PDB file of N, CA and C in Angstrom:
ATOM      1  N   MET A   1     -39.861  -7.654  38.678  1.00  0.00           N
ATOM      2  CA  MET A   1     -39.418  -7.874  37.329  1.00  0.00           C
ATOM      3  C   MET A   1     -39.208  -9.378  37.140  1.00  0.00           C
ATOM      4  N   VAL A   2     -39.612  -9.889  36.002  1.00  0.00           N
ATOM      5  CA  VAL A   2     -39.525 -11.322  35.722  1.00  0.00           C
ATOM      6  C   VAL A   2     -38.584 -11.545  34.551  1.00  0.00           C
ATOM      7  N   PHE A   3     -37.704 -12.536  34.689  1.00  0.00           N
ATOM      8  CA  PHE A   3     -36.771 -12.893  33.628  1.00  0.00           C
ATOM      9  C   PHE A   3     -37.025 -14.329  33.218  1.00  0.00           C
ATOM     10  N   ALA A   4     -37.086 -14.575  31.934  1.00  0.00           N
ATOM     11  CA  ALA A   4     -37.282 -15.933  31.433  1.00  0.00           C
ATOM     12  C   ALA A   4     -35.971 -16.696  31.503  1.00  0.00           C
ATOM     13  N   SER A   5     -35.999 -17.877  32.096  1.00  0.00           N
ATOM     14  CA  SER A   5     -34.791 -18.686  32.192  1.00  0.00           C
ATOM     15  C   SER A   5     -34.463 -19.366  30.868  1.00  0.00           C
ATOM     16  N   ASP A   6     -35.443 -19.444  29.972  1.00  0.00           N
ATOM     17  CA  ASP A   6     -35.226 -20.078  28.671  1.00  0.00           C
ATOM     18  C   ASP A   6     -35.247 -19.030  27.562  1.00  0.00           C
ATOM     19  N   SER A   7     -34.493 -17.963  27.746  1.00  0.00           N
ATOM     20  CA  SER A   7     -34.453 -16.858  26.798  1.00  0.00           C
ATOM     21  C   SER A   7     -33.902 -17.315  25.448  1.00  0.00           C
ATOM     22  N   PRO A   8     -34.484 -16.810  24.345  1.00  0.00           N
ATOM     23  CA  PRO A   8     -33.947 -17.152  23.027  1.00  0.00           C
ATOM     24  C   PRO A   8     -32.559 -16.560  22.801  1.00  0.00           C
ATOM     25  N   PHE A   9     -32.162 -15.598  23.645  1.00  0.00           N
ATOM     26  CA  PHE A   9     -30.844 -14.990  23.536  1.00  0.00           C
ATOM     27  C   PHE A   9     -29.803 -15.691  24.399  1.00  0.00           C
ATOM     28  N   GLY A  10     -30.224 -16.695  25.152  1.00  0.00           N
ATOM     29  CA  GLY A  10     -29.323 -17.398  26.049  1.00  0.00           C
ATOM     30  C   GLY A  10     -28.078 -17.870  25.329  1.00  0.00           C
ATOM     31  N   GLY A  11     -26.922 -17.523  25.850  1.00  0.00           N
ATOM     32  CA  GLY A  11     -25.667 -17.928  25.255  1.00  0.00           C
ATOM     33  C   GLY A  11     -25.137 -16.955  24.221  1.00  0.00           C
ATOM     34  N   ARG A  12     -25.989 -16.182  23.600  1.00  0.00           N
ATOM     35  CA  ARG A  12     -25.530 -15.231  22.585  1.00  0.00           C
ATOM     36  C   ARG A  12     -25.136 -13.896  23.209  1.00  0.00           C
ATOM     37  N   PHE A  13     -26.002 -13.374  24.057  1.00  0.00           N
ATOM     38  CA  PHE A  13     -25.753 -12.073  24.650  1.00  0.00           C
ATOM     39  C   PHE A  13     -25.585 -12.152  26.165  1.00  0.00           C
ATOM     40  N   GLU A  14     -25.864 -13.283  26.740  1.00  0.00           N
ATOM     41  CA  GLU A  14     -25.710 -13.465  28.178  1.00  0.00           C
ATOM     42  C   GLU A  14     -24.355 -14.093  28.440  1.00  0.00           C
ATOM     43  N   GLN A  15     -23.790 -13.767  29.598  1.00  0.00           N
ATOM     44  CA  GLN A  15     -22.485 -14.312  29.941  1.00  0.00           C
ATOM     45  C   GLN A  15     -22.541 -14.899  31.339  1.00  0.00           C
ATOM     46  N   THR A  16     -22.048 -16.122  31.476  1.00  0.00           N
ATOM     47  CA  THR A  16     -21.961 -16.769  32.770  1.00  0.00           C
ATOM     48  C   THR A  16     -20.503 -16.798  33.200  1.00  0.00           C
ATOM     49  N   ILE A  17     -20.264 -16.371  34.439  1.00  0.00           N
ATOM     50  CA  ILE A  17     -18.918 -16.371  35.002  1.00  0.00           C
ATOM     51  C   ILE A  17     -18.971 -17.231  36.255  1.00  0.00           C
ATOM     52  N   ASP A  18     -18.175 -18.286  36.289  1.00  0.00           N
ATOM     53  CA  ASP A  18     -18.215 -19.231  37.402  1.00  0.00           C
ATOM     54  C   ASP A  18     -17.632 -18.680  38.700  1.00  0.00           C
ATOM     55  N   ASP A  19     -16.614 -17.849  38.597  1.00  0.00           N
ATOM     56  CA  ASP A  19     -15.974 -17.301  39.796  1.00  0.00           C
ATOM     57  C   ASP A  19     -15.711 -15.818  39.562  1.00  0.00           C
ATOM     58  N   ALA A  20     -16.576 -14.974  40.090  1.00  0.00           N
ATOM     59  CA  ALA A  20     -16.490 -13.532  39.844  1.00  0.00           C
ATOM     60  C   ALA A  20     -16.602 -12.752  41.145  1.00  0.00           C
ATOM     61  N   VAL A  21     -16.130 -11.508  41.084  1.00  0.00           N
ATOM     62  CA  VAL A  21     -16.330 -10.549  42.169  1.00  0.00           C
ATOM     63  C   VAL A  21     -17.068  -9.359  41.558  1.00  0.00           C
ATOM     64  N   VAL A  22     -18.217  -9.017  42.137  1.00  0.00           N
ATOM     65  CA  VAL A  22     -19.041  -7.915  41.643  1.00  0.00           C
ATOM     66  C   VAL A  22     -18.844  -6.726  42.580  1.00  0.00           C
ATOM     67  N   TYR A  23     -18.414  -5.601  42.011  1.00  0.00           N
ATOM     68  CA  TYR A  23     -18.137  -4.401  42.798  1.00  0.00           C
ATOM     69  C   TYR A  23     -19.196  -3.339  42.564  1.00  0.00           C
ATOM     70  N   GLY A  24     -19.479  -2.581  43.605  1.00  0.00           N
ATOM     71  CA  GLY A  24     -20.435  -1.487  43.517  1.00  0.00           C
ATOM     72  C   GLY A  24     -19.785  -0.129  43.378  1.00  0.00           C
ATOM     73  N   ASP A  25     -18.427  -0.089  43.383  1.00  0.00           N
ATOM     74  CA  ASP A  25     -17.719   1.189  43.259  1.00  0.00           C
ATOM     75  C   ASP A  25     -16.393   0.983  42.537  1.00  0.00           C
ATOM     76  N   ALA A  26     -15.830   2.083  42.037  1.00  0.00           N
ATOM     77  CA  ALA A  26     -14.581   2.024  41.279  1.00  0.00           C
ATOM     78  C   ALA A  26     -13.375   1.714  42.167  1.00  0.00           C
ATOM     79  N   GLU A  27     -13.462   2.045  43.443  1.00  0.00           N
ATOM     80  CA  GLU A  27     -12.345   1.834  44.359  1.00  0.00           C
ATOM     81  C   GLU A  27     -12.220   0.378  44.808  1.00  0.00           C
ATOM     82  N   MET A  28     -13.161  -0.450  44.401  1.00  0.00           N
ATOM     83  CA  MET A  28     -13.195  -1.881  44.739  1.00  0.00           C
ATOM     84  C   MET A  28     -13.281  -2.108  46.252  1.00  0.00           C
ATOM     85  N   GLU A  29     -13.998  -1.215  46.935  1.00  0.00           N
ATOM     86  CA  GLU A  29     -14.208  -1.352  48.370  1.00  0.00           C
ATOM     87  C   GLU A  29     -15.553  -1.986  48.690  1.00  0.00           C
ATOM     88  N   SER A  30     -16.518  -1.789  47.810  1.00  0.00           N
ATOM     89  CA  SER A  30     -17.870  -2.286  48.033  1.00  0.00           C
ATOM     90  C   SER A  30     -18.106  -3.551  47.205  1.00  0.00           C
ATOM     91  N   VAL A  31     -17.897  -4.712  47.845  1.00  0.00           N
ATOM     92  CA  VAL A  31     -18.110  -5.992  47.166  1.00  0.00           C
ATOM     93  C   VAL A  31     -19.574  -6.379  47.340  1.00  0.00           C
ATOM     94  N   LEU A  32     -20.280  -6.516  46.214  1.00  0.00           N
ATOM     95  CA  LEU A  32     -21.696  -6.872  46.254  1.00  0.00           C
ATOM     96  C   LEU A  32     -21.905  -8.387  46.248  1.00  0.00           C
ATOM     97  N   HIS A  33     -20.981  -9.115  45.600  1.00  0.00           N
ATOM     98  CA  HIS A  33     -21.132 -10.572  45.500  1.00  0.00           C
ATOM     99  C   HIS A  33     -19.804 -11.193  45.094  1.00  0.00           C
ATOM    100  N   GLU A  34     -19.529 -12.379  45.633  1.00  0.00           N
ATOM    101  CA  GLU A  34     -18.394 -13.193  45.210  1.00  0.00           C
ATOM    102  C   GLU A  34     -18.915 -14.580  44.879  1.00  0.00           C
ATOM    103  N   GLY A  35     -18.570 -15.088  43.703  1.00  0.00           N
ATOM    104  CA  GLY A  35     -19.026 -16.403  43.288  1.00  0.00           C
ATOM    105  C   GLY A  35     -19.585 -16.369  41.877  1.00  0.00           C
ATOM    106  N   PRO A  36     -20.380 -17.376  41.525  1.00  0.00           N
ATOM    107  CA  PRO A  36     -20.910 -17.449  40.162  1.00  0.00           C
ATOM    108  C   PRO A  36     -21.973 -16.379  39.891  1.00  0.00           C
ATOM    109  N   VAL A  37     -21.964 -15.851  38.670  1.00  0.00           N
ATOM    110  CA  VAL A  37     -22.957 -14.870  38.238  1.00  0.00           C
ATOM    111  C   VAL A  37     -23.327 -15.134  36.789  1.00  0.00           C
ATOM    112  N   ARG A  38     -24.469 -14.591  36.404  1.00  0.00           N
ATOM    113  CA  ARG A  38     -24.884 -14.599  34.998  1.00  0.00           C
ATOM    114  C   ARG A  38     -25.311 -13.185  34.663  1.00  0.00           C
ATOM    115  N   VAL A  39     -24.646 -12.591  33.659  1.00  0.00           N
ATOM    116  CA  VAL A  39     -24.964 -11.243  33.217  1.00  0.00           C
ATOM    117  C   VAL A  39     -25.988 -11.366  32.100  1.00  0.00           C
ATOM    118  N   LEU A  40     -27.166 -10.791  32.323  1.00  0.00           N
ATOM    119  CA  LEU A  40     -28.263 -10.895  31.369  1.00  0.00           C
ATOM    120  C   LEU A  40     -28.158  -9.827  30.284  1.00  0.00           C
ATOM    121  N   VAL A  41     -28.859 -10.042  29.204  1.00  0.00           N
ATOM    122  CA  VAL A  41     -28.818  -9.144  28.054  1.00  0.00           C
ATOM    123  C   VAL A  41     -29.265  -7.723  28.414  1.00  0.00           C
ATOM    124  N   ASN A  42     -30.107  -7.576  29.409  1.00  0.00           N
ATOM    125  CA  ASN A  42     -30.596  -6.250  29.806  1.00  0.00           C
ATOM    126  C   ASN A  42     -29.709  -5.580  30.856  1.00  0.00           C
ATOM    127  N   GLY A  43     -28.570  -6.211  31.212  1.00  0.00           N
ATOM    128  CA  GLY A  43     -27.626  -5.608  32.136  1.00  0.00           C
ATOM    129  C   GLY A  43     -27.763  -6.052  33.576  1.00  0.00           C
ATOM    130  N   TRP A  44     -28.864  -6.697  33.921  1.00  0.00           N
ATOM    131  CA  TRP A  44     -29.033  -7.195  35.282  1.00  0.00           C
ATOM    132  C   TRP A  44     -28.087  -8.362  35.509  1.00  0.00           C
ATOM    133  N   VAL A  45     -27.642  -8.524  36.752  1.00  0.00           N
ATOM    134  CA  VAL A  45     -26.717  -9.595  37.106  1.00  0.00           C
ATOM    135  C   VAL A  45     -27.451 -10.569  38.020  1.00  0.00           C
ATOM    136  N   GLU A  46     -27.557 -11.822  37.579  1.00  0.00           N
ATOM    137  CA  GLU A  46     -28.222 -12.851  38.370  1.00  0.00           C
ATOM    138  C   GLU A  46     -27.188 -13.546  39.240  1.00  0.00           C
ATOM    139  N   VAL A  47     -27.491 -13.651  40.540  1.00  0.00           N
ATOM    140  CA  VAL A  47     -26.629 -14.357  41.486  1.00  0.00           C
ATOM    141  C   VAL A  47     -27.409 -15.544  42.039  1.00  0.00           C
ATOM    142  N   PRO A  48     -26.715 -16.533  42.608  1.00  0.00           N
ATOM    143  CA  PRO A  48     -27.424 -17.706  43.135  1.00  0.00           C
ATOM    144  C   PRO A  48     -28.501 -17.331  44.154  1.00  0.00           C
ATOM    145  N   GLY A  49     -29.496 -18.158  44.229  1.00  0.00           N
ATOM    146  CA  GLY A  49     -30.591 -17.926  45.163  1.00  0.00           C
ATOM    147  C   GLY A  49     -31.727 -17.129  44.555  1.00  0.00           C
ATOM    148  N   GLY A  50     -31.675 -16.901  43.240  1.00  0.00           N
ATOM    149  CA  GLY A  50     -32.763 -16.182  42.589  1.00  0.00           C
ATOM    150  C   GLY A  50     -32.744 -14.688  42.808  1.00  0.00           C
ATOM    151  N   ARG A  51     -31.580 -14.140  43.186  1.00  0.00           N
ATOM    152  CA  ARG A  51     -31.481 -12.694  43.400  1.00  0.00           C
ATOM    153  C   ARG A  51     -30.868 -12.042  42.167  1.00  0.00           C
ATOM    154  N   TYR A  52     -31.182 -10.760  41.981  1.00  0.00           N
ATOM    155  CA  TYR A  52     -30.674  -9.996  40.845  1.00  0.00           C
ATOM    156  C   TYR A  52     -30.093  -8.683  41.343  1.00  0.00           C
ATOM    157  N   LEU A  53     -28.983  -8.268  40.731  1.00  0.00           N
ATOM    158  CA  LEU A  53     -28.378  -6.972  41.033  1.00  0.00           C
ATOM    159  C   LEU A  53     -28.662  -6.029  39.866  1.00  0.00           C
ATOM    160  N   SER A  54     -29.109  -4.851  40.188  1.00  0.00           N
ATOM    161  CA  SER A  54     -29.448  -3.844  39.186  1.00  0.00           C
ATOM    162  C   SER A  54     -28.192  -3.363  38.461  1.00  0.00           C
ATOM    163  N   PRO A  55     -28.319  -3.048  37.170  1.00  0.00           N
ATOM    164  CA  PRO A  55     -27.185  -2.473  36.454  1.00  0.00           C
ATOM    165  C   PRO A  55     -26.713  -1.150  37.070  1.00  0.00           C
ATOM    166  N   HIS A  56     -27.602  -0.443  37.751  1.00  0.00           N
ATOM    167  CA  HIS A  56     -27.237   0.812  38.395  1.00  0.00           C
ATOM    168  C   HIS A  56     -26.414   0.587  39.661  1.00  0.00           C
ATOM    169  N   ALA A  57     -26.536  -0.596  40.259  1.00  0.00           N
ATOM    170  CA  ALA A  57     -25.807  -0.896  41.488  1.00  0.00           C
ATOM    171  C   ALA A  57     -24.409  -1.439  41.210  1.00  0.00           C
ATOM    172  N   VAL A  58     -24.214  -2.035  40.050  1.00  0.00           N
ATOM    173  CA  VAL A  58     -22.945  -2.699  39.724  1.00  0.00           C
ATOM    174  C   VAL A  58     -22.032  -1.735  38.982  1.00  0.00           C
ATOM    175  N   HIS A  59     -20.820  -1.547  39.522  1.00  0.00           N
ATOM    176  CA  HIS A  59     -19.835  -0.718  38.821  1.00  0.00           C
ATOM    177  C   HIS A  59     -19.057  -1.566  37.820  1.00  0.00           C
ATOM    178  N   HIS A  60     -18.534  -2.710  38.274  1.00  0.00           N
ATOM    179  CA  HIS A  60     -17.848  -3.615  37.362  1.00  0.00           C
ATOM    180  C   HIS A  60     -17.753  -5.008  37.964  1.00  0.00           C
ATOM    181  N   ILE A  61     -17.397  -5.969  37.117  1.00  0.00           N
ATOM    182  CA  ILE A  61     -17.269  -7.367  37.526  1.00  0.00           C
ATOM    183  C   ILE A  61     -15.890  -7.852  37.113  1.00  0.00           C
ATOM    184  N   ASP A  62     -15.169  -8.437  38.063  1.00  0.00           N
ATOM    185  CA  ASP A  62     -13.880  -9.059  37.773  1.00  0.00           C
ATOM    186  C   ASP A  62     -14.052 -10.565  37.772  1.00  0.00           C
ATOM    187  N   ALA A  63     -13.589 -11.203  36.711  1.00  0.00           N
ATOM    188  CA  ALA A  63     -13.593 -12.665  36.659  1.00  0.00           C
ATOM    189  C   ALA A  63     -12.315 -13.156  37.315  1.00  0.00           C
ATOM    190  N   GLN A  64     -12.452 -14.091  38.250  1.00  0.00           N
ATOM    191  CA  GLN A  64     -11.298 -14.659  38.931  1.00  0.00           C
ATOM    192  C   GLN A  64     -10.686 -15.736  38.051  1.00  0.00           C
ATOM    193  N   VAL A  65      -9.383 -15.664  37.850  1.00  0.00           N
ATOM    194  CA  VAL A  65      -8.685 -16.649  37.031  1.00  0.00           C
ATOM    195  C   VAL A  65      -8.101 -17.715  37.953  1.00  0.00           C
ATOM    196  N   PRO A  66      -8.433 -19.002  37.694  1.00  0.00           N
ATOM    197  CA  PRO A  66      -7.879 -20.061  38.548  1.00  0.00           C
ATOM    198  C   PRO A  66      -6.364 -20.127  38.412  1.00  0.00           C
ATOM    199  N   GLU A  67      -5.721 -20.359  39.542  1.00  0.00           N
ATOM    200  CA  GLU A  67      -4.248 -20.428  39.540  1.00  0.00           C
ATOM    201  C   GLU A  67      -3.764 -21.819  39.266  1.00  0.00           C
TER     202      GLU A  67
END
């Protein structure tokens, strides 16, 4: 699957989170990624290194609030 980095929807429907934890389950036991993410308009989650997490794999994302 190919995603355009210069999407016309960039910023409108996509969300970038600088410090997030991506979970694969409701119990928050399965951490899929910690760090910056970009949630795309189609539900896929882009993580650094050019990898993508499927919307079916991600249960929820918590944004870390700096102390």
